[in-house]
């Protein structure tokens, strides 16, 4: 009887402790969830640039905190401020049209007779086109809910871009704080991973570290370089909305598509507004920027890590769908780490190894 009571008491105490711990974990997660992505991104940035910061600290007489602060300031100056400037230039291009929008008179000519002969959609397209040419105001009112949804979507994209910049700033602050105390952070990380994985902890840490540095330098770093070079060329040529095209170049480069997909049409536009000589120079510049990954990736990506580009593509696209522009980079790194750890586990179980 006493044993049963003792068992029930211990079980009750264990259940209460588990419930308290679970409540604390859930509560903590709810509190830090808005900053979870920039925190993870900050850790990844810190791991990727730690060797460089160590060398800088040696040049500065061992002052690691100063090196971390200078790193954060340099990143802000080289990335965040140009993004703001490019956004401002894009807004300046659109501002005259926004200012004079009420003066613009839009008229739509009636559809040609050939529209009716289009397969499947011909009659409906001709009817809609005729209605627009005769009563554009009525057409706008008819599709007012759809237009409002489109405008709200565009506003949401703009807000998402500002949010991404803010989260990136938070990530840089987290990274600089970790870099300033790299030894303590590395020791704590190793202890946590070893606590979960046992003897394999150091091996997992080394593999994850090498993967992070390879992907950050060989994929994300190269993409940023290509985007910055493309933006510089477009600003020199006075290309409107240069910030938007630079972001699209960045996206293409991260998901392993050639940036010439964006820069090619931009070069075509430059040929229509500029003289032949500068347009040809800009086209050559775009080709060099697009092809630069062929020699930058082998230079930056570590020889010991070979990650299929399909893995990077899936991680980048999936991350962007889940978490926006930061997820574009973070997804590629996380999926690459998972792939490397999985392949290491498979290789360990392979009897031929």
C-alpha atoms as a PDB file:
ATOM      1  CA  UNK A   1       0.000   0.000   0.000  1.00  0.00           C
ATOM      2  CA  UNK A   2       2.795   2.378   0.924  1.00  0.00           C
ATOM      3  CA  UNK A   3       4.586   1.465  -2.274  1.00  0.00           C
ATOM      4  CA  UNK A   4       1.496   2.333  -4.326  1.00  0.00           C
ATOM      5  CA  UNK A   5       1.158   5.684  -2.581  1.00  0.00           C
ATOM      6  CA  UNK A   6       4.849   6.396  -3.082  1.00  0.00           C
ATOM      7  CA  UNK A   7       4.557   5.511  -6.777  1.00  0.00           C
ATOM      8  CA  UNK A   8       1.500   7.749  -7.219  1.00  0.00           C
ATOM      9  CA  UNK A   9       3.258  10.602  -5.425  1.00  0.00           C
ATOM     10  CA  UNK A  10       6.371  10.289  -7.586  1.00  0.00           C
ATOM     11  CA  UNK A  11       4.277  10.032 -10.742  1.00  0.00           C
ATOM     12  CA  UNK A  12       2.313  13.141  -9.746  1.00  0.00           C
ATOM     13  CA  UNK A  13       5.486  15.099  -9.011  1.00  0.00           C
ATOM     14  CA  UNK A  14       7.029  14.000 -12.315  1.00  0.00           C
ATOM     15  CA  UNK A  15       3.882  15.010 -14.213  1.00  0.00           C
ATOM     16  CA  UNK A  16       3.860  18.438 -12.534  1.00  0.00           C
ATOM     17  CA  UNK A  17       7.542  18.995 -13.340  1.00  0.00           C
ATOM     18  CA  UNK A  18       7.044  17.974 -16.961  1.00  0.00           C
ATOM     19  CA  UNK A  19       4.006  20.251 -17.243  1.00  0.00           C
ATOM     20  CA  UNK A  20       5.944  23.198 -15.758  1.00  0.00           C
ATOM     21  CA  UNK A  21       8.908  22.637 -18.075  1.00  0.00           C
ATOM     22  CA  UNK A  22       6.586  22.259 -21.097  1.00  0.00           C
ATOM     23  CA  UNK A  23       4.759  25.463 -20.160  1.00  0.00           C
ATOM     24  CA  UNK A  24       8.057  27.347 -19.837  1.00  0.00           C
ATOM     25  CA  UNK A  25       9.253  26.028 -23.209  1.00  0.00           C
ATOM     26  CA  UNK A  26       6.006  26.981 -24.972  1.00  0.00           C
ATOM     27  CA  UNK A  27       5.924  30.384 -23.275  1.00  0.00           C
ATOM     28  CA  UNK A  28       9.541  31.101 -24.164  1.00  0.00           C
ATOM     29  CA  UNK A  29       8.944  30.069 -27.760  1.00  0.00           C
ATOM     30  CA  UNK A  30       5.944  32.397 -28.040  1.00  0.00           C
ATOM     31  CA  UNK A  31       8.046  35.278 -26.717  1.00  0.00           C
ATOM     32  CA  UNK A  32      11.060  34.785 -29.014  1.00  0.00           C
ATOM     33  CA  UNK A  33       9.133  33.567 -32.085  1.00  0.00           C
ATOM     34  CA  UNK A  34       9.112  37.004 -33.835  1.00  0.00           C
ATOM     35  CA  UNK A  35      12.902  37.075 -33.552  1.00  0.00           C
ATOM     36  CA  UNK A  36      13.596  33.396 -34.113  1.00  0.00           C
ATOM     37  CA  UNK A  37      14.559  33.770 -37.786  1.00  0.00           C
ATOM     38  CA  UNK A  38      16.982  36.691 -37.276  1.00  0.00           C
ATOM     39  CA  UNK A  39      18.478  34.893 -34.269  1.00  0.00           C
ATOM     40  CA  UNK A  40      19.191  31.781 -36.331  1.00  0.00           C
ATOM     41  CA  UNK A  41      20.419  33.909 -39.216  1.00  0.00           C
ATOM     42  CA  UNK A  42      22.694  35.835 -36.833  1.00  0.00           C
ATOM     43  CA  UNK A  43      24.207  32.589 -35.563  1.00  0.00           C
ATOM     44  CA  UNK A  44      24.839  31.412 -39.130  1.00  0.00           C
ATOM     45  CA  UNK A  45      26.467  34.721 -40.089  1.00  0.00           C
ATOM     46  CA  UNK A  46      28.669  34.584 -36.986  1.00  0.00           C
ATOM     47  CA  UNK A  47      29.827  31.053 -37.783  1.00  0.00           C
ATOM     48  CA  UNK A  48      30.515  31.945 -41.416  1.00  0.00           C
ATOM     49  CA  UNK A  49      32.663  35.035 -40.761  1.00  0.00           C
ATOM     50  CA  UNK A  50      34.349  33.946 -37.514  1.00  0.00           C
ATOM     51  CA  UNK A  51      37.722  33.102 -39.170  1.00  0.00           C
ATOM     52  CA  UNK A  52      37.800  36.519 -40.815  1.00  0.00           C
ATOM     53  CA  UNK A  53      36.940  38.272 -37.530  1.00  0.00           C
ATOM     54  CA  UNK A  54      39.710  36.323 -35.773  1.00  0.00           C
ATOM     55  CA  UNK A  55      42.249  37.620 -38.293  1.00  0.00           C
ATOM     56  CA  UNK A  56      40.904  41.155 -37.951  1.00  0.00           C
ATOM     57  CA  UNK A  57      41.186  40.896 -34.162  1.00  0.00           C
ATOM     58  CA  UNK A  58      44.862  39.966 -34.538  1.00  0.00           C
ATOM     59  CA  UNK A  59      45.423  43.005 -36.754  1.00  0.00           C
ATOM     60  CA  UNK A  60      43.725  45.149 -34.078  1.00  0.00           C
ATOM     61  CA  UNK A  61      45.964  43.866 -31.285  1.00  0.00           C
ATOM     62  CA  UNK A  62      43.604  41.199 -29.987  1.00  0.00           C
ATOM     63  CA  UNK A  63      40.616  43.520 -29.530  1.00  0.00           C
ATOM     64  CA  UNK A  64      37.909  41.147 -30.684  1.00  0.00           C
ATOM     65  CA  UNK A  65      34.970  43.287 -29.576  1.00  0.00           C
ATOM     66  CA  UNK A  66      36.256  46.176 -31.681  1.00  0.00           C
ATOM     67  CA  UNK A  67      36.576  43.833 -34.674  1.00  0.00           C
ATOM     68  CA  UNK A  68      32.984  42.656 -34.172  1.00  0.00           C
ATOM     69  CA  UNK A  69      31.700  46.240 -33.956  1.00  0.00           C
ATOM     70  CA  UNK A  70      33.602  47.269 -37.083  1.00  0.00           C
ATOM     71  CA  UNK A  71      32.170  44.224 -38.875  1.00  0.00           C
ATOM     72  CA  UNK A  72      28.601  45.240 -37.983  1.00  0.00           C
ATOM     73  CA  UNK A  73      29.203  48.845 -39.072  1.00  0.00           C
ATOM     74  CA  UNK A  74      30.809  47.715 -42.349  1.00  0.00           C
ATOM     75  CA  UNK A  75      27.872  45.428 -43.168  1.00  0.00           C
ATOM     76  CA  UNK A  76      25.411  48.225 -42.474  1.00  0.00           C
ATOM     77  CA  UNK A  77      27.324  50.613 -44.711  1.00  0.00           C
ATOM     78  CA  UNK A  78      27.836  48.161 -47.578  1.00  0.00           C
ATOM     79  CA  UNK A  79      24.429  46.460 -47.634  1.00  0.00           C
ATOM     80  CA  UNK A  80      21.685  48.199 -45.682  1.00  0.00           C
ATOM     81  CA  UNK A  81      22.420  51.753 -46.812  1.00  0.00           C
ATOM     82  CA  UNK A  82      22.680  50.801 -50.535  1.00  0.00           C
ATOM     83  CA  UNK A  83      19.340  48.981 -50.229  1.00  0.00           C
ATOM     84  CA  UNK A  84      17.773  52.155 -48.848  1.00  0.00           C
ATOM     85  CA  UNK A  85      19.394  54.252 -51.583  1.00  0.00           C
ATOM     86  CA  UNK A  86      18.222  51.891 -54.319  1.00  0.00           C
ATOM     87  CA  UNK A  87      14.702  51.934 -52.889  1.00  0.00           C
ATOM     88  CA  UNK A  88      14.767  55.725 -52.800  1.00  0.00           C
ATOM     89  CA  UNK A  89      15.921  55.873 -56.430  1.00  0.00           C
ATOM     90  CA  UNK A  90      13.102  53.551 -57.441  1.00  0.00           C
ATOM     91  CA  UNK A  91      10.593  55.755 -55.620  1.00  0.00           C
ATOM     92  CA  UNK A  92      11.959  58.838 -57.371  1.00  0.00           C
ATOM     93  CA  UNK A  93      11.322  57.176 -60.718  1.00  0.00           C
ATOM     94  CA  UNK A  94       7.691  56.504 -59.831  1.00  0.00           C
ATOM     95  CA  UNK A  95       7.040  59.794 -58.019  1.00  0.00           C
ATOM     96  CA  UNK A  96       6.333  61.921 -61.144  1.00  0.00           C
ATOM     97  CA  UNK A  97       3.753  59.395 -62.322  1.00  0.00           C
ATOM     98  CA  UNK A  98       2.139  59.282 -58.886  1.00  0.00           C
ATOM     99  CA  UNK A  99       2.076  63.075 -58.675  1.00  0.00           C
ATOM    100  CA  UNK A 100       0.441  63.524 -62.083  1.00  0.00           C
ATOM    101  CA  UNK A 101      -1.785  60.453 -62.028  1.00  0.00           C
ATOM    102  CA  UNK A 102      -4.914  62.588 -61.914  1.00  0.00           C
ATOM    103  CA  UNK A 103      -3.856  64.355 -65.148  1.00  0.00           C
ATOM    104  CA  UNK A 104      -3.447  61.149 -67.102  1.00  0.00           C
ATOM    105  CA  UNK A 105      -6.267  60.345 -69.498  1.00  0.00           C
ATOM    106  CA  UNK A 106      -6.340  56.685 -70.438  1.00  0.00           C
ATOM    107  CA  UNK A 107      -8.148  55.618 -73.589  1.00  0.00           C
ATOM    108  CA  UNK A 108      -8.343  52.083 -74.883  1.00  0.00           C
ATOM    109  CA  UNK A 109      -8.954  51.494 -78.609  1.00  0.00           C
ATOM    110  CA  UNK A 110     -11.590  48.944 -79.633  1.00  0.00           C
ATOM    111  CA  UNK A 111     -10.354  45.397 -80.252  1.00  0.00           C
ATOM    112  CA  UNK A 112      -9.474  44.268 -83.782  1.00  0.00           C
ATOM    113  CA  UNK A 113     -11.724  41.720 -85.456  1.00  0.00           C
ATOM    114  CA  UNK A 114      -9.040  39.043 -85.146  1.00  0.00           C
ATOM    115  CA  UNK A 115      -9.559  38.893 -81.360  1.00  0.00           C
ATOM    116  CA  UNK A 116     -12.840  37.009 -81.879  1.00  0.00           C
ATOM    117  CA  UNK A 117     -10.924  34.303 -83.701  1.00  0.00           C
ATOM    118  CA  UNK A 118      -8.618  33.531 -80.764  1.00  0.00           C
ATOM    119  CA  UNK A 119      -9.135  29.947 -79.580  1.00  0.00           C
ATOM    120  CA  UNK A 120     -11.195  29.396 -76.404  1.00  0.00           C
ATOM    121  CA  UNK A 121     -10.908  32.928 -74.974  1.00  0.00           C
ATOM    122  CA  UNK A 122     -11.564  34.939 -78.176  1.00  0.00           C
ATOM    123  CA  UNK A 123     -15.234  35.940 -77.699  1.00  0.00           C
ATOM    124  CA  UNK A 124     -14.859  36.658 -73.987  1.00  0.00           C
ATOM    125  CA  UNK A 125     -11.671  38.681 -74.551  1.00  0.00           C
ATOM    126  CA  UNK A 126     -13.321  40.698 -77.333  1.00  0.00           C
ATOM    127  CA  UNK A 127     -16.342  41.454 -75.151  1.00  0.00           C
ATOM    128  CA  UNK A 128     -14.199  42.573 -72.201  1.00  0.00           C
ATOM    129  CA  UNK A 129     -11.933  44.617 -74.461  1.00  0.00           C
ATOM    130  CA  UNK A 130     -14.939  46.365 -76.079  1.00  0.00           C
ATOM    131  CA  UNK A 131     -16.423  47.155 -72.686  1.00  0.00           C
ATOM    132  CA  UNK A 132     -13.092  48.665 -71.569  1.00  0.00           C
ATOM    133  CA  UNK A 133     -12.829  50.829 -74.678  1.00  0.00           C
ATOM    134  CA  UNK A 134     -16.383  52.158 -74.262  1.00  0.00           C
ATOM    135  CA  UNK A 135     -16.640  52.479 -70.473  1.00  0.00           C
ATOM    136  CA  UNK A 136     -13.288  52.149 -68.703  1.00  0.00           C
ATOM    137  CA  UNK A 137     -14.673  53.666 -65.498  1.00  0.00           C
ATOM    138  CA  UNK A 138     -17.427  51.087 -65.363  1.00  0.00           C
ATOM    139  CA  UNK A 139     -14.889  48.300 -65.909  1.00  0.00           C
ATOM    140  CA  UNK A 140     -12.767  49.601 -63.039  1.00  0.00           C
ATOM    141  CA  UNK A 141     -15.805  49.694 -60.748  1.00  0.00           C
ATOM    142  CA  UNK A 142     -16.768  46.180 -61.816  1.00  0.00           C
ATOM    143  CA  UNK A 143     -13.348  44.824 -60.857  1.00  0.00           C
ATOM    144  CA  UNK A 144     -12.866  47.127 -57.877  1.00  0.00           C
ATOM    145  CA  UNK A 145     -12.550  44.292 -55.290  1.00  0.00           C
ATOM    146  CA  UNK A 146      -9.852  42.553 -57.346  1.00  0.00           C
ATOM    147  CA  UNK A 147      -7.985  45.824 -57.860  1.00  0.00           C
ATOM    148  CA  UNK A 148      -8.100  46.577 -54.148  1.00  0.00           C
ATOM    149  CA  UNK A 149      -6.734  43.124 -53.405  1.00  0.00           C
ATOM    150  CA  UNK A 150      -3.895  43.686 -55.873  1.00  0.00           C
ATOM    151  CA  UNK A 151      -3.040  47.072 -54.350  1.00  0.00           C
ATOM    152  CA  UNK A 152      -3.080  45.627 -50.828  1.00  0.00           C
ATOM    153  CA  UNK A 153      -0.837  42.812 -52.025  1.00  0.00           C
ATOM    154  CA  UNK A 154       1.683  45.302 -53.429  1.00  0.00           C
ATOM    155  CA  UNK A 155       1.580  47.294 -50.190  1.00  0.00           C
ATOM    156  CA  UNK A 156       2.178  44.063 -48.309  1.00  0.00           C
ATOM    157  CA  UNK A 157       5.225  43.345 -50.480  1.00  0.00           C
ATOM    158  CA  UNK A 158       6.629  46.780 -49.685  1.00  0.00           C
ATOM    159  CA  UNK A 159       6.002  46.260 -45.987  1.00  0.00           C
ATOM    160  CA  UNK A 160       7.618  42.838 -46.202  1.00  0.00           C
ATOM    161  CA  UNK A 161      10.717  44.411 -47.714  1.00  0.00           C
ATOM    162  CA  UNK A 162      10.988  46.889 -44.835  1.00  0.00           C
ATOM    163  CA  UNK A 163      10.473  44.048 -42.379  1.00  0.00           C
ATOM    164  CA  UNK A 164      13.229  42.059 -44.059  1.00  0.00           C
ATOM    165  CA  UNK A 165      15.641  44.997 -43.711  1.00  0.00           C
ATOM    166  CA  UNK A 166      14.755  45.323 -40.015  1.00  0.00           C
ATOM    167  CA  UNK A 167      15.220  41.602 -39.394  1.00  0.00           C
ATOM    168  CA  UNK A 168      18.534  41.698 -41.228  1.00  0.00           C
ATOM    169  CA  UNK A 169      19.717  44.521 -38.948  1.00  0.00           C
ATOM    170  CA  UNK A 170      18.712  42.433 -35.925  1.00  0.00           C
ATOM    171  CA  UNK A 171      20.634  39.478 -37.386  1.00  0.00           C
ATOM    172  CA  UNK A 172      23.776  41.578 -37.781  1.00  0.00           C
ATOM    173  CA  UNK A 173      23.488  42.778 -34.177  1.00  0.00           C
ATOM    174  CA  UNK A 174      23.118  39.174 -32.978  1.00  0.00           C
ATOM    175  CA  UNK A 175      26.074  38.081 -35.117  1.00  0.00           C
ATOM    176  CA  UNK A 176      28.316  40.870 -33.821  1.00  0.00           C
ATOM    177  CA  UNK A 177      27.392  40.043 -30.209  1.00  0.00           C
ATOM    178  CA  UNK A 178      28.282  36.383 -30.778  1.00  0.00           C
ATOM    179  CA  UNK A 179      31.503  37.282 -32.564  1.00  0.00           C
ATOM    180  CA  UNK A 180      32.556  39.539 -29.702  1.00  0.00           C
ATOM    181  CA  UNK A 181      32.288  36.536 -27.357  1.00  0.00           C
ATOM    182  CA  UNK A 182      33.129  33.747 -29.793  1.00  0.00           C
ATOM    183  CA  UNK A 183      34.878  31.423 -27.329  1.00  0.00           C
ATOM    184  CA  UNK A 184      32.008  31.440 -24.838  1.00  0.00           C
ATOM    185  CA  UNK A 185      29.418  31.032 -27.610  1.00  0.00           C
ATOM    186  CA  UNK A 186      31.326  28.156 -29.238  1.00  0.00           C
ATOM    187  CA  UNK A 187      31.788  26.391 -25.893  1.00  0.00           C
ATOM    188  CA  UNK A 188      28.086  26.698 -25.056  1.00  0.00           C
ATOM    189  CA  UNK A 189      27.081  25.443 -28.515  1.00  0.00           C
ATOM    190  CA  UNK A 190      29.325  22.405 -28.275  1.00  0.00           C
ATOM    191  CA  UNK A 191      27.991  21.559 -24.824  1.00  0.00           C
ATOM    192  CA  UNK A 192      24.379  21.781 -26.014  1.00  0.00           C
ATOM    193  CA  UNK A 193      24.960  19.631 -29.105  1.00  0.00           C
ATOM    194  CA  UNK A 194      27.020  17.076 -27.180  1.00  0.00           C
ATOM    195  CA  UNK A 195      24.254  16.878 -24.582  1.00  0.00           C
ATOM    196  CA  UNK A 196      21.806  15.769 -27.282  1.00  0.00           C
ATOM    197  CA  UNK A 197      24.071  13.726 -29.546  1.00  0.00           C
ATOM    198  CA  UNK A 198      26.631  12.284 -27.137  1.00  0.00           C
ATOM    199  CA  UNK A 199      30.032  11.336 -28.517  1.00  0.00           C
ATOM    200  CA  UNK A 200      29.104  12.452 -32.032  1.00  0.00           C
ATOM    201  CA  UNK A 201      28.666  16.038 -30.850  1.00  0.00           C
ATOM    202  CA  UNK A 202      32.078  17.424 -31.897  1.00  0.00           C
ATOM    203  CA  UNK A 203      31.849  15.709 -35.283  1.00  0.00           C
ATOM    204  CA  UNK A 204      28.371  17.144 -35.885  1.00  0.00           C
ATOM    205  CA  UNK A 205      29.562  20.618 -34.869  1.00  0.00           C
ATOM    206  CA  UNK A 206      32.515  20.466 -37.260  1.00  0.00           C
ATOM    207  CA  UNK A 207      30.374  19.199 -40.145  1.00  0.00           C
ATOM    208  CA  UNK A 208      27.677  21.831 -39.577  1.00  0.00           C
ATOM    209  CA  UNK A 209      30.306  24.580 -39.295  1.00  0.00           C
ATOM    210  CA  UNK A 210      32.026  23.607 -42.549  1.00  0.00           C
ATOM    211  CA  UNK A 211      28.664  23.357 -44.337  1.00  0.00           C
ATOM    212  CA  UNK A 212      27.537  26.776 -43.105  1.00  0.00           C
ATOM    213  CA  UNK A 213      30.762  28.421 -44.240  1.00  0.00           C
ATOM    214  CA  UNK A 214      30.688  26.676 -47.617  1.00  0.00           C
ATOM    215  CA  UNK A 215      27.090  27.651 -48.379  1.00  0.00           C
ATOM    216  CA  UNK A 216      27.392  31.175 -47.004  1.00  0.00           C
ATOM    217  CA  UNK A 217      30.513  31.932 -49.006  1.00  0.00           C
ATOM    218  CA  UNK A 218      29.914  29.805 -52.085  1.00  0.00           C
ATOM    219  CA  UNK A 219      26.198  30.516 -52.576  1.00  0.00           C
ATOM    220  CA  UNK A 220      25.006  33.494 -50.538  1.00  0.00           C
ATOM    221  CA  UNK A 221      28.290  35.409 -50.751  1.00  0.00           C
ATOM    222  CA  UNK A 222      28.568  34.969 -54.505  1.00  0.00           C
ATOM    223  CA  UNK A 223      24.909  35.972 -54.955  1.00  0.00           C
ATOM    224  CA  UNK A 224      25.444  39.172 -52.966  1.00  0.00           C
ATOM    225  CA  UNK A 225      28.551  40.009 -54.996  1.00  0.00           C
ATOM    226  CA  UNK A 226      26.674  39.501 -58.263  1.00  0.00           C
ATOM    227  CA  UNK A 227      23.753  41.598 -57.030  1.00  0.00           C
ATOM    228  CA  UNK A 228      25.996  44.460 -55.914  1.00  0.00           C
ATOM    229  CA  UNK A 229      27.944  44.438 -59.201  1.00  0.00           C
ATOM    230  CA  UNK A 230      24.712  44.361 -61.194  1.00  0.00           C
ATOM    231  CA  UNK A 231      23.277  47.243 -59.154  1.00  0.00           C
ATOM    232  CA  UNK A 232      26.440  49.295 -59.673  1.00  0.00           C
ATOM    233  CA  UNK A 233      26.243  48.827 -63.432  1.00  0.00           C
ATOM    234  CA  UNK A 234      22.548  49.719 -63.552  1.00  0.00           C
ATOM    235  CA  UNK A 235      23.066  52.843 -61.449  1.00  0.00           C
ATOM    236  CA  UNK A 236      25.862  53.995 -63.751  1.00  0.00           C
ATOM    237  CA  UNK A 237      23.594  53.511 -66.779  1.00  0.00           C
ATOM    238  CA  UNK A 238      20.640  55.189 -65.063  1.00  0.00           C
ATOM    239  CA  UNK A 239      18.378  52.142 -65.236  1.00  0.00           C
ATOM    240  CA  UNK A 240      15.040  52.912 -63.512  1.00  0.00           C
ATOM    241  CA  UNK A 241      13.964  50.701 -60.601  1.00  0.00           C
ATOM    242  CA  UNK A 242      17.553  49.482 -60.240  1.00  0.00           C
ATOM    243  CA  UNK A 243      16.835  48.312 -56.690  1.00  0.00           C
ATOM    244  CA  UNK A 244      14.089  45.973 -57.861  1.00  0.00           C
ATOM    245  CA  UNK A 245      16.252  44.446 -60.601  1.00  0.00           C
ATOM    246  CA  UNK A 246      19.156  44.025 -58.172  1.00  0.00           C
ATOM    247  CA  UNK A 247      16.914  42.119 -55.762  1.00  0.00           C
ATOM    248  CA  UNK A 248      15.716  39.883 -58.599  1.00  0.00           C
ATOM    249  CA  UNK A 249      19.346  39.234 -59.568  1.00  0.00           C
ATOM    250  CA  UNK A 250      20.032  38.275 -55.951  1.00  0.00           C
ATOM    251  CA  UNK A 251      17.092  35.866 -55.915  1.00  0.00           C
ATOM    252  CA  UNK A 252      18.156  34.264 -59.198  1.00  0.00           C
ATOM    253  CA  UNK A 253      21.730  33.838 -58.010  1.00  0.00           C
ATOM    254  CA  UNK A 254      20.708  32.205 -54.721  1.00  0.00           C
ATOM    255  CA  UNK A 255      18.355  29.732 -56.392  1.00  0.00           C
ATOM    256  CA  UNK A 256      21.093  28.895 -58.913  1.00  0.00           C
ATOM    257  CA  UNK A 257      19.550  30.549 -61.967  1.00  0.00           C
ATOM    258  CA  UNK A 258      21.769  32.712 -64.208  1.00  0.00           C
ATOM    259  CA  UNK A 259      21.317  36.430 -63.440  1.00  0.00           C
ATOM    260  CA  UNK A 260      21.366  37.111 -67.182  1.00  0.00           C
ATOM    261  CA  UNK A 261      17.672  36.175 -67.085  1.00  0.00           C
ATOM    262  CA  UNK A 262      17.150  39.577 -65.441  1.00  0.00           C
ATOM    263  CA  UNK A 263      20.128  41.470 -66.815  1.00  0.00           C
ATOM    264  CA  UNK A 264      19.457  40.427 -70.428  1.00  0.00           C
ATOM    265  CA  UNK A 265      16.138  42.320 -70.765  1.00  0.00           C
ATOM    266  CA  UNK A 266      17.642  45.234 -68.848  1.00  0.00           C
ATOM    267  CA  UNK A 267      20.515  45.330 -71.360  1.00  0.00           C
ATOM    268  CA  UNK A 268      17.973  45.300 -74.181  1.00  0.00           C
ATOM    269  CA  UNK A 269      16.274  48.343 -72.655  1.00  0.00           C
ATOM    270  CA  UNK A 270      19.629  50.126 -72.326  1.00  0.00           C
ATOM    271  CA  UNK A 271      20.221  49.632 -76.075  1.00  0.00           C
ATOM    272  CA  UNK A 272      16.976  51.498 -76.785  1.00  0.00           C
ATOM    273  CA  UNK A 273      17.842  54.579 -74.699  1.00  0.00           C
ATOM    274  CA  UNK A 274      21.653  54.830 -74.819  1.00  0.00           C
ATOM    275  CA  UNK A 275      24.356  55.086 -77.439  1.00  0.00           C
ATOM    276  CA  UNK A 276      25.769  51.876 -78.865  1.00  0.00           C
ATOM    277  CA  UNK A 277      29.172  52.021 -77.165  1.00  0.00           C
ATOM    278  CA  UNK A 278      27.974  52.355 -73.528  1.00  0.00           C
ATOM    279  CA  UNK A 279      25.179  49.873 -74.188  1.00  0.00           C
ATOM    280  CA  UNK A 280      27.683  47.295 -75.464  1.00  0.00           C
ATOM    281  CA  UNK A 281      29.920  47.917 -72.452  1.00  0.00           C
ATOM    282  CA  UNK A 282      26.947  47.429 -70.135  1.00  0.00           C
ATOM    283  CA  UNK A 283      25.996  44.200 -71.935  1.00  0.00           C
ATOM    284  CA  UNK A 284      29.541  42.863 -71.544  1.00  0.00           C
ATOM    285  CA  UNK A 285      29.429  43.859 -67.872  1.00  0.00           C
ATOM    286  CA  UNK A 286      26.153  41.964 -67.401  1.00  0.00           C
ATOM    287  CA  UNK A 287      27.609  38.864 -69.057  1.00  0.00           C
ATOM    288  CA  UNK A 288      30.664  39.010 -66.786  1.00  0.00           C
ATOM    289  CA  UNK A 289      28.466  39.448 -63.701  1.00  0.00           C
ATOM    290  CA  UNK A 290      26.245  36.539 -64.709  1.00  0.00           C
ATOM    291  CA  UNK A 291      29.190  34.234 -65.442  1.00  0.00           C
ATOM    292  CA  UNK A 292      31.238  35.265 -62.412  1.00  0.00           C
ATOM    293  CA  UNK A 293      29.823  32.447 -60.283  1.00  0.00           C
ATOM    294  CA  UNK A 294      31.721  29.919 -62.412  1.00  0.00           C
ATOM    295  CA  UNK A 295      35.016  31.054 -60.868  1.00  0.00           C
ATOM    296  CA  UNK A 296      33.795  32.612 -57.618  1.00  0.00           C
ATOM    297  CA  UNK A 297      32.065  29.465 -56.327  1.00  0.00           C
ATOM    298  CA  UNK A 298      35.143  27.218 -56.596  1.00  0.00           C
ATOM    299  CA  UNK A 299      37.128  29.998 -54.967  1.00  0.00           C
ATOM    300  CA  UNK A 300      34.770  30.502 -52.007  1.00  0.00           C
ATOM    301  CA  UNK A 301      33.134  27.116 -51.500  1.00  0.00           C
ATOM    302  CA  UNK A 302      35.186  24.695 -49.422  1.00  0.00           C
ATOM    303  CA  UNK A 303      36.697  21.701 -51.162  1.00  0.00           C
ATOM    304  CA  UNK A 304      35.509  19.334 -48.455  1.00  0.00           C
ATOM    305  CA  UNK A 305      31.818  20.100 -48.959  1.00  0.00           C
ATOM    306  CA  UNK A 306      29.953  19.093 -52.106  1.00  0.00           C
ATOM    307  CA  UNK A 307      26.283  19.996 -51.949  1.00  0.00           C
ATOM    308  CA  UNK A 308      24.031  19.368 -54.981  1.00  0.00           C
ATOM    309  CA  UNK A 309      22.603  22.540 -56.435  1.00  0.00           C
ATOM    310  CA  UNK A 310      19.122  20.981 -56.310  1.00  0.00           C
ATOM    311  CA  UNK A 311      19.407  20.909 -52.509  1.00  0.00           C
ATOM    312  CA  UNK A 312      20.295  24.603 -52.488  1.00  0.00           C
ATOM    313  CA  UNK A 313      17.430  25.379 -54.872  1.00  0.00           C
ATOM    314  CA  UNK A 314      14.814  23.561 -52.793  1.00  0.00           C
ATOM    315  CA  UNK A 315      16.073  25.106 -49.568  1.00  0.00           C
ATOM    316  CA  UNK A 316      16.140  28.628 -50.980  1.00  0.00           C
ATOM    317  CA  UNK A 317      12.703  28.475 -52.594  1.00  0.00           C
ATOM    318  CA  UNK A 318      11.101  26.756 -49.613  1.00  0.00           C
ATOM    319  CA  UNK A 319      12.694  29.176 -47.183  1.00  0.00           C
ATOM    320  CA  UNK A 320      11.501  32.160 -49.212  1.00  0.00           C
ATOM    321  CA  UNK A 321       7.951  30.793 -49.259  1.00  0.00           C
ATOM    322  CA  UNK A 322       7.983  30.331 -45.491  1.00  0.00           C
ATOM    323  CA  UNK A 323       9.946  33.341 -44.254  1.00  0.00           C
ATOM    324  CA  UNK A 324      10.363  35.824 -47.079  1.00  0.00           C
ATOM    325  CA  UNK A 325      13.686  37.204 -48.266  1.00  0.00           C
ATOM    326  CA  UNK A 326      15.640  36.095 -45.168  1.00  0.00           C
ATOM    327  CA  UNK A 327      14.245  32.603 -45.628  1.00  0.00           C
ATOM    328  CA  UNK A 328      15.779  32.641 -49.114  1.00  0.00           C
ATOM    329  CA  UNK A 329      19.236  32.555 -47.523  1.00  0.00           C
ATOM    330  CA  UNK A 330      18.373  30.741 -44.322  1.00  0.00           C
ATOM    331  CA  UNK A 331      16.510  27.952 -46.091  1.00  0.00           C
ATOM    332  CA  UNK A 332      19.478  27.188 -48.337  1.00  0.00           C
ATOM    333  CA  UNK A 333      21.802  26.921 -45.342  1.00  0.00           C
ATOM    334  CA  UNK A 334      19.461  24.871 -43.143  1.00  0.00           C
ATOM    335  CA  UNK A 335      18.599  22.364 -45.865  1.00  0.00           C
ATOM    336  CA  UNK A 336      22.277  22.067 -46.793  1.00  0.00           C
ATOM    337  CA  UNK A 337      23.188  21.292 -43.162  1.00  0.00           C
ATOM    338  CA  UNK A 338      20.410  18.714 -42.962  1.00  0.00           C
ATOM    339  CA  UNK A 339      21.574  17.118 -46.215  1.00  0.00           C
ATOM    340  CA  UNK A 340      25.196  16.910 -45.052  1.00  0.00           C
ATOM    341  CA  UNK A 341      24.243  15.431 -41.675  1.00  0.00           C
ATOM    342  CA  UNK A 342      21.948  12.898 -43.326  1.00  0.00           C
ATOM    343  CA  UNK A 343      24.597  11.848 -45.847  1.00  0.00           C
ATOM    344  CA  UNK A 344      27.156  11.521 -43.050  1.00  0.00           C
ATOM    345  CA  UNK A 345      24.740   9.292 -41.143  1.00  0.00           C
ATOM    346  CA  UNK A 346      24.153   7.174 -44.260  1.00  0.00           C
ATOM    347  CA  UNK A 347      27.887   6.877 -44.895  1.00  0.00           C
ATOM    348  CA  UNK A 348      28.472   5.804 -41.286  1.00  0.00           C
ATOM    349  CA  UNK A 349      25.943   2.967 -41.647  1.00  0.00           C
ATOM    350  CA  UNK A 350      27.322   1.861 -45.041  1.00  0.00           C
ATOM    351  CA  UNK A 351      29.335  -1.348 -44.544  1.00  0.00           C
ATOM    352  CA  UNK A 352      31.550  -0.502 -47.543  1.00  0.00           C
ATOM    353  CA  UNK A 353      32.994   2.506 -45.698  1.00  0.00           C
END
